[in-house]
PDB file of N, CA and C in Angstrom:
ATOM      1  N   MET A   1       0.841  -1.185   0.000  1.00  0.00           N
ATOM      2  CA  MET A   1       0.000   0.000   0.000  1.00  0.00           C
ATOM      3  C   MET A   1       0.885   1.248   0.000  1.00  0.00           C
ATOM      4  N   VAL A   2       0.621   2.165  -0.892  1.00  0.00           N
ATOM      5  CA  VAL A   2       1.378   3.407  -0.991  1.00  0.00           C
ATOM      6  C   VAL A   2       0.509   4.532  -0.454  1.00  0.00           C
ATOM      7  N   THR A   3       1.049   5.264   0.480  1.00  0.00           N
ATOM      8  CA  THR A   3       0.336   6.408   1.038  1.00  0.00           C
ATOM      9  C   THR A   3       0.921   7.673   0.440  1.00  0.00           C
ATOM     10  N   ARG A   4       0.081   8.497  -0.137  1.00  0.00           N
ATOM     11  CA  ARG A   4       0.535   9.757  -0.725  1.00  0.00           C
ATOM     12  C   ARG A   4       0.209  10.873   0.261  1.00  0.00           C
ATOM     13  N   LEU A   5       1.229  11.562   0.672  1.00  0.00           N
ATOM     14  CA  LEU A   5       1.037  12.661   1.611  1.00  0.00           C
ATOM     15  C   LEU A   5       1.032  13.977   0.852  1.00  0.00           C
ATOM     16  N   CYS A   6       0.045  14.777   1.119  1.00  0.00           N
ATOM     17  CA  CYS A   6      -0.069  16.086   0.482  1.00  0.00           C
ATOM     18  C   CYS A   6      -0.077  17.153   1.565  1.00  0.00           C
ATOM     19  N   PRO A   7       0.598  18.272   1.305  1.00  0.00           N
ATOM     20  CA  PRO A   7       0.570  19.345   2.301  1.00  0.00           C
ATOM     21  C   PRO A   7      -0.832  19.936   2.418  1.00  0.00           C
ATOM     22  N   ARG A   8      -1.111  20.436   3.588  1.00  0.00           N
ATOM     23  CA  ARG A   8      -2.402  21.101   3.826  1.00  0.00           C
ATOM     24  C   ARG A   8      -2.401  22.458   3.133  1.00  0.00           C
ATOM     25  N   ASP A   9      -3.591  22.969   2.863  1.00  0.00           N
ATOM     26  CA  ASP A   9      -3.705  24.274   2.212  1.00  0.00           C
ATOM     27  C   ASP A   9      -2.990  25.356   3.017  1.00  0.00           C
ATOM     28  N   GLY A  10      -3.144  25.313   4.339  1.00  0.00           N
ATOM     29  CA  GLY A  10      -2.499  26.313   5.190  1.00  0.00           C
ATOM     30  C   GLY A  10      -0.979  26.244   5.107  1.00  0.00           C
ATOM     31  N   GLN A  11      -0.438  25.042   4.998  1.00  0.00           N
ATOM     32  CA  GLN A  11       1.008  24.888   4.870  1.00  0.00           C
ATOM     33  C   GLN A  11       1.496  25.490   3.560  1.00  0.00           C
ATOM     34  N   VAL A  12       0.751  25.252   2.499  1.00  0.00           N
ATOM     35  CA  VAL A  12       1.136  25.790   1.191  1.00  0.00           C
ATOM     36  C   VAL A  12       1.047  27.319   1.192  1.00  0.00           C
ATOM     37  N   ARG A  13      -0.025  27.860   1.755  1.00  0.00           N
ATOM     38  CA  ARG A  13      -0.167  29.329   1.824  1.00  0.00           C
ATOM     39  C   ARG A  13       0.970  29.949   2.630  1.00  0.00           C
ATOM     40  N   PHE A  14       1.316  29.303   3.740  1.00  0.00           N
ATOM     41  CA  PHE A  14       2.398  29.782   4.594  1.00  0.00           C
ATOM     42  C   PHE A  14       3.724  29.753   3.848  1.00  0.00           C
ATOM     43  N   ALA A  15       4.022  28.628   3.192  1.00  0.00           N
ATOM     44  CA  ALA A  15       5.274  28.501   2.437  1.00  0.00           C
ATOM     45  C   ALA A  15       5.327  29.516   1.304  1.00  0.00           C
ATOM     46  N   HIS A  16       4.202  29.735   0.649  1.00  0.00           N
ATOM     47  CA  HIS A  16       4.168  30.715  -0.443  1.00  0.00           C
ATOM     48  C   HIS A  16       4.443  32.123   0.075  1.00  0.00           C
ATOM     49  N   ALA A  17       3.906  32.441   1.244  1.00  0.00           N
ATOM     50  CA  ALA A  17       4.150  33.767   1.827  1.00  0.00           C
ATOM     51  C   ALA A  17       5.637  33.959   2.122  1.00  0.00           C
ATOM     52  N   ILE A  18       6.277  32.940   2.672  1.00  0.00           N
ATOM     53  CA  ILE A  18       7.717  33.025   2.937  1.00  0.00           C
ATOM     54  C   ILE A  18       8.474  33.174   1.628  1.00  0.00           C
ATOM     55  N   TYR A  19       8.132  32.341   0.642  1.00  0.00           N
ATOM     56  CA  TYR A  19       8.798  32.358  -0.652  1.00  0.00           C
ATOM     57  C   TYR A  19       8.631  33.717  -1.336  1.00  0.00           C
ATOM     58  N   SER A  20       7.507  34.374  -1.079  1.00  0.00           N
ATOM     59  CA  SER A  20       7.233  35.692  -1.680  1.00  0.00           C
ATOM     60  C   SER A  20       7.929  36.829  -0.955  1.00  0.00           C
ATOM     61  N   GLY A  21       8.646  36.504   0.123  1.00  0.00           N
ATOM     62  CA  GLY A  21       9.403  37.525   0.837  1.00  0.00           C
ATOM     63  C   GLY A  21       8.666  38.182   1.978  1.00  0.00           C
ATOM     64  N   GLN A  22       7.527  37.656   2.364  1.00  0.00           N
ATOM     65  CA  GLN A  22       6.778  38.232   3.466  1.00  0.00           C
ATOM     66  C   GLN A  22       7.329  37.733   4.802  1.00  0.00           C
ATOM     67  N   ASP A  23       7.242  38.568   5.816  1.00  0.00           N
ATOM     68  CA  ASP A  23       7.540  38.127   7.176  1.00  0.00           C
ATOM     69  C   ASP A  23       6.291  37.411   7.686  1.00  0.00           C
ATOM     70  N   VAL A  24       6.490  36.246   8.284  1.00  0.00           N
ATOM     71  CA  VAL A  24       5.354  35.414   8.654  1.00  0.00           C
ATOM     72  C   VAL A  24       5.526  34.909  10.077  1.00  0.00           C
ATOM     73  N   VAL A  25       4.421  34.867  10.813  1.00  0.00           N
ATOM     74  CA  VAL A  25       4.376  34.247  12.136  1.00  0.00           C
ATOM     75  C   VAL A  25       3.345  33.134  12.062  1.00  0.00           C
ATOM     76  N   LEU A  26       3.706  31.958  12.550  1.00  0.00           N
ATOM     77  CA  LEU A  26       2.790  30.823  12.530  1.00  0.00           C
ATOM     78  C   LEU A  26       2.574  30.314  13.939  1.00  0.00           C
ATOM     79  N   LEU A  27       1.328  30.301  14.369  1.00  0.00           N
ATOM     80  CA  LEU A  27       0.943  29.696  15.634  1.00  0.00           C
ATOM     81  C   LEU A  27       0.027  28.532  15.305  1.00  0.00           C
ATOM     82  N   ALA A  28       0.479  27.323  15.597  1.00  0.00           N
ATOM     83  CA  ALA A  28      -0.307  26.145  15.271  1.00  0.00           C
ATOM     84  C   ALA A  28      -0.039  25.067  16.308  1.00  0.00           C
ATOM     85  N   GLY A  29      -0.999  24.215  16.492  1.00  0.00           N
ATOM     86  CA  GLY A  29      -0.907  23.177  17.506  1.00  0.00           C
ATOM     87  C   GLY A  29       0.023  22.038  17.133  1.00  0.00           C
ATOM     88  N   THR A  30       0.237  21.165  18.092  1.00  0.00           N
ATOM     89  CA  THR A  30       1.060  19.987  17.899  1.00  0.00           C
ATOM     90  C   THR A  30       0.475  19.123  16.787  1.00  0.00           C
ATOM     91  N   GLY A  31       1.326  18.690  15.882  1.00  0.00           N
ATOM     92  CA  GLY A  31       0.899  17.806  14.810  1.00  0.00           C
ATOM     93  C   GLY A  31       0.342  18.502  13.587  1.00  0.00           C
ATOM     94  N   TRP A  32       0.308  19.827  13.576  1.00  0.00           N
ATOM     95  CA  TRP A  32      -0.251  20.561  12.450  1.00  0.00           C
ATOM     96  C   TRP A  32       0.653  20.494  11.227  1.00  0.00           C
ATOM     97  N   GLY A  33       1.952  20.395  11.439  1.00  0.00           N
ATOM     98  CA  GLY A  33       2.886  20.338  10.314  1.00  0.00           C
ATOM     99  C   GLY A  33       3.652  21.630  10.124  1.00  0.00           C
ATOM    100  N   LYS A  34       4.001  22.264  11.226  1.00  0.00           N
ATOM    101  CA  LYS A  34       4.723  23.538  11.156  1.00  0.00           C
ATOM    102  C   LYS A  34       6.073  23.386  10.452  1.00  0.00           C
ATOM    103  N   THR A  35       6.779  22.303  10.736  1.00  0.00           N
ATOM    104  CA  THR A  35       8.106  22.122  10.153  1.00  0.00           C
ATOM    105  C   THR A  35       8.021  22.082   8.636  1.00  0.00           C
ATOM    106  N   LEU A  36       7.088  21.327   8.091  1.00  0.00           N
ATOM    107  CA  LEU A  36       6.939  21.269   6.642  1.00  0.00           C
ATOM    108  C   LEU A  36       6.596  22.639   6.075  1.00  0.00           C
ATOM    109  N   ALA A  37       5.743  23.373   6.758  1.00  0.00           N
ATOM    110  CA  ALA A  37       5.353  24.699   6.282  1.00  0.00           C
ATOM    111  C   ALA A  37       6.562  25.610   6.163  1.00  0.00           C
ATOM    112  N   PHE A  38       7.475  25.534   7.113  1.00  0.00           N
ATOM    113  CA  PHE A  38       8.686  26.353   7.054  1.00  0.00           C
ATOM    114  C   PHE A  38       9.656  25.862   5.986  1.00  0.00           C
ATOM    115  N   VAL A  39       9.819  24.562   5.886  1.00  0.00           N
ATOM    116  CA  VAL A  39      10.859  23.988   5.033  1.00  0.00           C
ATOM    117  C   VAL A  39      10.494  24.020   3.551  1.00  0.00           C
ATOM    118  N   MET A  40       9.211  23.984   3.213  1.00  0.00           N
ATOM    119  CA  MET A  40       8.822  23.968   1.800  1.00  0.00           C
ATOM    120  C   MET A  40       9.404  25.142   1.028  1.00  0.00           C
ATOM    121  N   ALA A  41       9.395  26.319   1.611  1.00  0.00           N
ATOM    122  CA  ALA A  41       9.948  27.489   0.922  1.00  0.00           C
ATOM    123  C   ALA A  41      11.449  27.338   0.708  1.00  0.00           C
ATOM    124  N   CYS A  42      12.124  26.712   1.647  1.00  0.00           N
ATOM    125  CA  CYS A  42      13.577  26.505   1.522  1.00  0.00           C
ATOM    126  C   CYS A  42      13.906  25.521   0.399  1.00  0.00           C
ATOM    127  N   PHE A  43      13.011  24.579   0.113  1.00  0.00           N
ATOM    128  CA  PHE A  43      13.220  23.671  -1.011  1.00  0.00           C
ATOM    129  C   PHE A  43      13.215  24.448  -2.322  1.00  0.00           C
ATOM    130  N   LEU A  44      12.365  25.461  -2.407  1.00  0.00           N
ATOM    131  CA  LEU A  44      12.253  26.249  -3.630  1.00  0.00           C
ATOM    132  C   LEU A  44      13.390  27.242  -3.792  1.00  0.00           C
ATOM    133  N   ASP A  45      13.871  27.784  -2.680  1.00  0.00           N
ATOM    134  CA  ASP A  45      14.939  28.790  -2.733  1.00  0.00           C
ATOM    135  C   ASP A  45      15.881  28.588  -1.561  1.00  0.00           C
ATOM    136  N   PRO A  46      17.044  27.962  -1.796  1.00  0.00           N
ATOM    137  CA  PRO A  46      17.965  27.671  -0.694  1.00  0.00           C
ATOM    138  C   PRO A  46      18.595  28.915  -0.060  1.00  0.00           C
ATOM    139  N   THR A  47      18.361  30.094  -0.630  1.00  0.00           N
ATOM    140  CA  THR A  47      18.898  31.312  -0.014  1.00  0.00           C
ATOM    141  C   THR A  47      17.972  31.871   1.059  1.00  0.00           C
ATOM    142  N   ILE A  48      16.765  31.316   1.158  1.00  0.00           N
ATOM    143  CA  ILE A  48      15.816  31.766   2.182  1.00  0.00           C
ATOM    144  C   ILE A  48      16.332  31.338   3.552  1.00  0.00           C
ATOM    145  N   ILE A  49      16.297  32.263   4.487  1.00  0.00           N
ATOM    146  CA  ILE A  49      16.711  31.986   5.861  1.00  0.00           C
ATOM    147  C   ILE A  49      15.457  31.946   6.727  1.00  0.00           C
ATOM    148  N   VAL A  50      15.291  30.852   7.440  1.00  0.00           N
ATOM    149  CA  VAL A  50      14.133  30.682   8.314  1.00  0.00           C
ATOM    150  C   VAL A  50      14.641  30.564   9.738  1.00  0.00           C
ATOM    151  N   ILE A  51      14.071  31.350  10.633  1.00  0.00           N
ATOM    152  CA  ILE A  51      14.409  31.280  12.055  1.00  0.00           C
ATOM    153  C   ILE A  51      13.171  30.782  12.787  1.00  0.00           C
ATOM    154  N   ILE A  52      13.328  29.669  13.493  1.00  0.00           N
ATOM    155  CA  ILE A  52      12.209  29.092  14.234  1.00  0.00           C
ATOM    156  C   ILE A  52      12.499  29.248  15.722  1.00  0.00           C
ATOM    157  N   VAL A  53      11.612  29.923  16.416  1.00  0.00           N
ATOM    158  CA  VAL A  53      11.730  30.090  17.864  1.00  0.00           C
ATOM    159  C   VAL A  53      10.745  29.121  18.502  1.00  0.00           C
ATOM    160  N   SER A  54      11.260  28.206  19.270  1.00  0.00           N
ATOM    161  CA  SER A  54      10.423  27.181  19.875  1.00  0.00           C
ATOM    162  C   SER A  54      10.656  27.166  21.380  1.00  0.00           C
ATOM    163  N   PRO A  55       9.760  27.760  22.137  1.00  0.00           N
ATOM    164  CA  PRO A  55       9.957  27.873  23.585  1.00  0.00           C
ATOM    165  C   PRO A  55       9.564  26.604  24.340  1.00  0.00           C
ATOM    166  N   LEU A  56      10.090  25.464  23.914  1.00  0.00           N
ATOM    167  CA  LEU A  56       9.676  24.210  24.513  1.00  0.00           C
ATOM    168  C   LEU A  56      10.008  24.115  26.002  1.00  0.00           C
ATOM    169  N   ASN A  57      11.167  24.596  26.419  1.00  0.00           N
ATOM    170  CA  ASN A  57      11.511  24.540  27.836  1.00  0.00           C
ATOM    171  C   ASN A  57      10.525  25.344  28.662  1.00  0.00           C
ATOM    172  N   ALA A  58      10.171  26.521  28.192  1.00  0.00           N
ATOM    173  CA  ALA A  58       9.212  27.364  28.920  1.00  0.00           C
ATOM    174  C   ALA A  58       7.849  26.675  28.986  1.00  0.00           C
ATOM    175  N   LEU A  59       7.428  26.042  27.907  1.00  0.00           N
ATOM    176  CA  LEU A  59       6.149  25.334  27.913  1.00  0.00           C
ATOM    177  C   LEU A  59       6.190  24.147  28.879  1.00  0.00           C
ATOM    178  N   GLU A  60       7.297  23.434  28.879  1.00  0.00           N
ATOM    179  CA  GLU A  60       7.429  22.290  29.783  1.00  0.00           C
ATOM    180  C   GLU A  60       7.340  22.729  31.240  1.00  0.00           C
ATOM    181  N   GLU A  61       8.038  23.801  31.592  1.00  0.00           N
ATOM    182  CA  GLU A  61       8.002  24.297  32.963  1.00  0.00           C
ATOM    183  C   GLU A  61       6.601  24.773  33.335  1.00  0.00           C
ATOM    184  N   ASP A  62       5.929  25.422  32.400  1.00  0.00           N
ATOM    185  CA  ASP A  62       4.576  25.912  32.658  1.00  0.00           C
ATOM    186  C   ASP A  62       3.613  24.749  32.902  1.00  0.00           C
ATOM    187  N   GLN A  63       3.728  23.700  32.099  1.00  0.00           N
ATOM    188  CA  GLN A  63       2.857  22.559  32.257  1.00  0.00           C
ATOM    189  C   GLN A  63       3.165  21.792  33.547  1.00  0.00           C
ATOM    190  N   ALA A  64       4.438  21.744  33.922  1.00  0.00           N
ATOM    191  CA  ALA A  64       4.819  21.038  35.143  1.00  0.00           C
ATOM    192  C   ALA A  64       4.271  21.716  36.388  1.00  0.00           C
ATOM    193  N   SER A  65       4.179  23.043  36.343  1.00  0.00           N
ATOM    194  CA  SER A  65       3.654  23.775  37.509  1.00  0.00           C
ATOM    195  C   SER A  65       2.155  23.763  37.456  1.00  0.00           C
TER     196      SER A  65
END
């Protein structure tokens, strides 16, 4: 069985915005596919620089308390 994975519309719109030179902020839940949304634009143009800020330690501490 072959599974074909397709990006979500939101991921494509996000990647297109980055590729078009727009500054973009993405807030999405776990499992939404944020990494793919960021990386798709880099596949099209390797000169694109993407900075991902992921406050995982802060979230972990918040959930623990």
